[in-house]
Protein backbone atom coordinates (compact mmCIF):
# COMPACT_ATOMS: atom_id res chain seq x y z
CA MET A 1 0.00 0.00 0.00
CA HIS A 2 1.19 3.49 -0.79
CA LYS A 3 2.05 5.93 1.96
CA THR A 4 0.74 9.43 1.31
CA LEU A 5 1.90 12.65 2.95
CA VAL A 6 -0.60 15.47 2.44
CA ILE A 7 0.75 18.99 2.97
CA MET A 8 -1.90 21.66 3.40
CA VAL A 9 -0.78 24.90 1.75
CA LYS A 10 -2.35 28.28 1.09
CA GLU A 11 -1.45 30.60 -1.73
CA PRO A 12 1.06 32.96 -0.04
CA ARG A 13 -0.73 36.27 -0.50
CA PRO A 14 -0.40 39.11 2.05
CA GLY A 15 -3.41 39.19 4.32
CA ARG A 16 -4.47 35.62 3.42
CA VAL A 17 -1.80 33.55 5.17
CA LYS A 18 -0.33 33.68 8.67
CA THR A 19 -2.42 36.70 9.65
CA ARG A 20 -1.55 36.43 13.36
CA LEU A 21 2.14 36.46 12.42
CA GLY A 22 1.33 39.32 10.04
CA ARG A 23 0.05 41.42 12.95
CA ASP A 24 3.54 41.11 14.45
CA ILE A 25 5.78 41.46 11.39
CA GLY A 26 3.48 42.83 8.69
CA MET A 27 1.34 40.94 6.18
CA ILE A 28 3.96 41.08 3.41
CA GLY A 29 6.61 39.70 5.76
CA ALA A 30 4.28 36.92 6.92
CA ALA A 31 3.45 35.93 3.34
CA TRP A 32 7.16 35.97 2.43
CA TRP A 33 7.98 33.80 5.46
CA PHE A 34 5.22 31.31 4.60
CA ARG A 35 6.27 31.04 0.96
CA HIS A 36 9.92 30.32 1.83
CA GLN A 37 9.03 28.07 4.78
CA THR A 38 6.76 25.98 2.57
CA ARG A 39 9.34 25.61 -0.19
CA SER A 40 11.95 24.54 2.35
CA LEU A 41 9.56 22.10 4.03
CA ILE A 42 8.61 20.44 0.72
CA ARG A 43 12.28 20.08 -0.24
CA ARG A 44 13.16 18.58 3.17
CA LEU A 45 10.28 16.10 3.17
CA ARG A 46 10.67 14.64 -0.32
CA ASP A 47 11.42 10.96 0.15
CA PRO A 48 10.91 7.82 -1.94
CA ARG A 49 9.16 6.13 1.02
CA TRP A 50 6.01 8.23 0.54
CA ARG A 51 4.10 10.21 -2.05
CA ILE A 52 3.56 13.93 -1.38
CA VAL A 53 0.24 15.52 -2.31
CA LEU A 54 -0.43 19.24 -1.87
CA ALA A 55 -3.88 20.19 -0.54
CA VAL A 56 -4.21 23.73 -1.86
CA SER A 57 -6.29 26.78 -0.94
CA PRO A 58 -7.98 28.76 -2.35
CA ASP A 59 -9.13 25.90 -4.51
CA GLN A 60 -9.00 27.37 -8.03
CA GLU A 61 -6.02 29.67 -7.48
CA GLY A 62 -4.08 26.94 -5.66
CA MET A 63 -4.66 24.36 -8.37
CA ASN A 64 -3.22 26.75 -10.97
CA SER A 65 -0.47 28.27 -8.84
CA ARG A 66 3.10 28.42 -10.08
CA VAL A 67 4.40 28.88 -6.51
CA TRP A 68 4.38 25.15 -5.68
CA PRO A 69 6.45 22.47 -7.45
CA LEU A 70 4.70 21.40 -10.64
CA ASP A 71 5.65 17.73 -10.25
CA LEU A 72 3.58 17.27 -7.08
CA PRO A 73 -0.08 16.30 -7.38
CA ARG A 74 -2.59 18.82 -6.02
CA VAL A 75 -6.06 18.53 -4.60
CA ALA A 76 -8.33 21.35 -3.55
CA GLN A 77 -8.98 21.69 0.18
CA GLY A 78 -12.61 22.61 -0.44
CA ARG A 79 -15.03 24.40 1.84
CA GLY A 80 -15.64 24.17 5.56
CA ASP A 81 -13.68 24.51 8.76
CA LEU A 82 -10.28 22.92 9.30
CA GLY A 83 -11.85 19.63 10.41
CA ASP A 84 -14.00 19.44 7.28
CA ARG A 85 -11.00 20.09 5.05
CA MET A 86 -8.68 17.66 6.88
CA GLY A 87 -11.34 14.96 7.01
CA ARG A 88 -11.96 15.27 3.29
CA ARG A 89 -8.24 14.90 2.54
CA LEU A 90 -7.81 11.91 4.88
CA ARG A 91 -10.89 10.17 3.49
CA GLY A 92 -9.94 10.99 -0.10
CA ALA A 93 -6.41 9.59 0.08
CA LEU A 94 -5.41 6.33 -1.54
CA LYS A 95 -5.89 3.23 0.59
CA GLY A 96 -2.95 2.83 2.92
CA PRO A 97 -1.40 5.05 5.56
CA VAL A 98 -1.88 8.80 5.17
CA CYS A 99 -0.40 11.64 7.20
CA LEU A 100 -1.47 15.24 6.93
CA ILE A 101 0.54 18.27 8.05
CA GLY A 102 0.45 22.02 7.77
CA ALA A 103 3.26 23.89 6.07
CA ASP A 104 4.15 26.10 9.05
CA ILE A 105 6.27 23.66 11.11
CA PRO A 106 9.95 24.63 10.74
CA GLY A 107 11.29 21.76 12.88
CA ILE A 108 9.74 18.88 10.97
CA THR A 109 12.07 16.33 9.35
CA ARG A 110 11.78 13.17 7.27
CA GLY A 111 12.47 11.28 10.52
CA HIS A 112 9.30 12.71 12.08
CA ILE A 113 7.24 11.63 9.08
CA ALA A 114 8.82 8.15 9.04
CA ARG A 115 8.01 7.73 12.76
CA ALA A 116 4.40 8.79 12.11
CA PHE A 117 3.99 6.19 9.37
CA GLY A 118 5.70 3.61 11.62
CA ALA A 119 3.26 4.35 14.44
CA LEU A 120 0.38 3.65 12.06
CA GLY A 121 1.49 0.01 12.00
CA ARG A 122 0.23 -0.27 15.58
CA ALA A 123 -2.31 2.54 15.86
CA GLU A 124 -5.33 3.55 13.81
CA LEU A 125 -4.63 7.27 14.25
CA VAL A 126 -1.47 9.22 15.03
CA PHE A 127 -1.10 12.82 16.20
CA GLY A 128 1.90 15.13 16.52
CA PRO A 129 1.10 17.38 19.50
CA ALA A 130 2.03 21.06 19.53
CA PRO A 131 2.90 22.97 22.71
CA ASP A 132 -0.12 25.26 22.24
CA GLY A 133 -2.62 22.38 22.62
CA GLY A 134 -3.08 21.78 18.91
CA TYR A 135 -1.25 19.36 16.67
CA TRP A 136 1.12 19.54 13.72
CA LEU A 137 0.28 16.12 12.22
CA VAL A 138 -2.68 13.79 12.00
CA GLY A 139 -2.38 10.39 10.38
CA ALA A 140 -4.66 7.43 9.73
CA GLN A 141 -4.15 3.84 8.61
CA ARG A 142 -6.81 4.17 5.87
CA TYR A 143 -7.30 0.40 5.62
CA GLY A 144 -10.88 0.99 6.72
CA ALA A 145 -13.20 3.91 7.24
CA LEU A 146 -12.23 6.77 9.51
CA PRO A 147 -14.36 7.31 12.62
CA PRO A 148 -17.52 9.11 11.44
CA GLY A 149 -17.31 11.75 14.20
CA LEU A 150 -13.62 12.53 13.73
CA PHE A 151 -13.05 16.32 14.06
CA LYS A 152 -16.63 16.91 15.32
CA ASP A 153 -16.99 19.68 17.93
CA VAL A 154 -13.27 20.58 17.88
CA ARG A 155 -12.45 24.06 19.12
CA TRP A 156 -9.91 24.96 16.43
CA SER A 157 -7.08 27.43 17.16
CA THR A 158 -7.44 26.90 20.92
CA GLU A 159 -5.51 24.98 23.56
CA TYR A 160 -8.29 22.36 23.38
CA ALA A 161 -7.89 21.32 19.73
CA LEU A 162 -5.94 18.09 20.39
CA ALA A 163 -8.02 17.10 23.42
CA ASP A 164 -11.26 17.70 21.49
CA THR A 165 -9.97 15.71 18.52
CA LEU A 166 -8.94 12.81 20.75
CA THR A 167 -12.47 12.84 22.21
CA SER A 168 -13.89 12.67 18.68
CA ALA A 169 -11.66 9.62 18.03
CA ALA A 170 -12.80 7.71 21.13
CA GLY A 171 -12.47 3.96 20.68
CA CYS A 172 -9.55 4.21 18.23
CA ARG A 173 -6.00 3.10 18.95
CA VAL A 174 -4.05 6.39 19.00
CA ALA A 175 -0.30 7.08 19.02
CA LEU A 176 1.28 10.42 19.94
CA LEU A 177 4.55 11.68 18.46
CA ASP A 178 7.11 14.32 19.44
CA HIS A 179 5.95 17.82 20.31
CA LEU A 180 6.76 20.31 17.54
CA ARG A 181 5.92 24.00 17.33
CA ASP A 182 3.99 25.54 14.48
CA VAL A 183 4.38 29.23 13.73
CA ASP A 184 1.42 31.46 14.52
CA THR A 185 3.13 34.53 16.05
CA VAL A 186 6.56 36.14 16.08
CA ALA A 187 7.24 34.48 19.45
CA ASP A 188 6.91 31.10 17.73
CA LEU A 189 9.71 32.06 15.33
CA HIS A 190 12.09 32.39 18.25
CA GLY A 191 10.68 29.54 20.37
C-alpha cells in the first residue's frame, strides 16, 4: 500500500496567510515567510518512502499556482472549517497510511514523518502534539473507514484542539509523536 503525505498549503498572499504572524511582522513579511518556509519544508520532506500531495487553498487559485512544485499532485482543500477540510483529505487519500501536516512547522524532518507512518502500524490514528494544545500532524491507517465523528466539535485554534480531537476519536488506537511547534506569532519564530 502506498504511503501518502498530504501537505496543506495556502497561496502565499499578504493578508491571506499567517495573519496572526502578520500582525507582528506585517502581512507582506508573513506571506514571504510562509512562501519560503513551505518551499523549504517540501524540499526537506521529499522521500521515496512516501508520495507527497499538496492540498491547496484557495481551490481554483491553488490548483493553478506556479508557486508550488509542478511535479507534485494537487487537490483542492474545499469548503468548511479545518476539520471538514482535513477529514476530506484523509478520506480521499489512496488506501494505505496517510499523514497530513500544515506547512508552518519549521522543525519537521523526514524522521518525524517516518516515525508517524511507523506508528500507524500499531495505531489507527497518530497525532503530533504542539505545545499550544493543537497538533502539527494527523495520520490514519486508511485500511478501513475513519471514525464518522472525527473532528466533530473541535475548538480549532485553541488549547483544546488536540483534546477535542482525541475525544472525537474515542475507541480508536491512538499514538502520539514528538511535540513540535507551528508558527502562529513572532514568538513562535524564536521559540
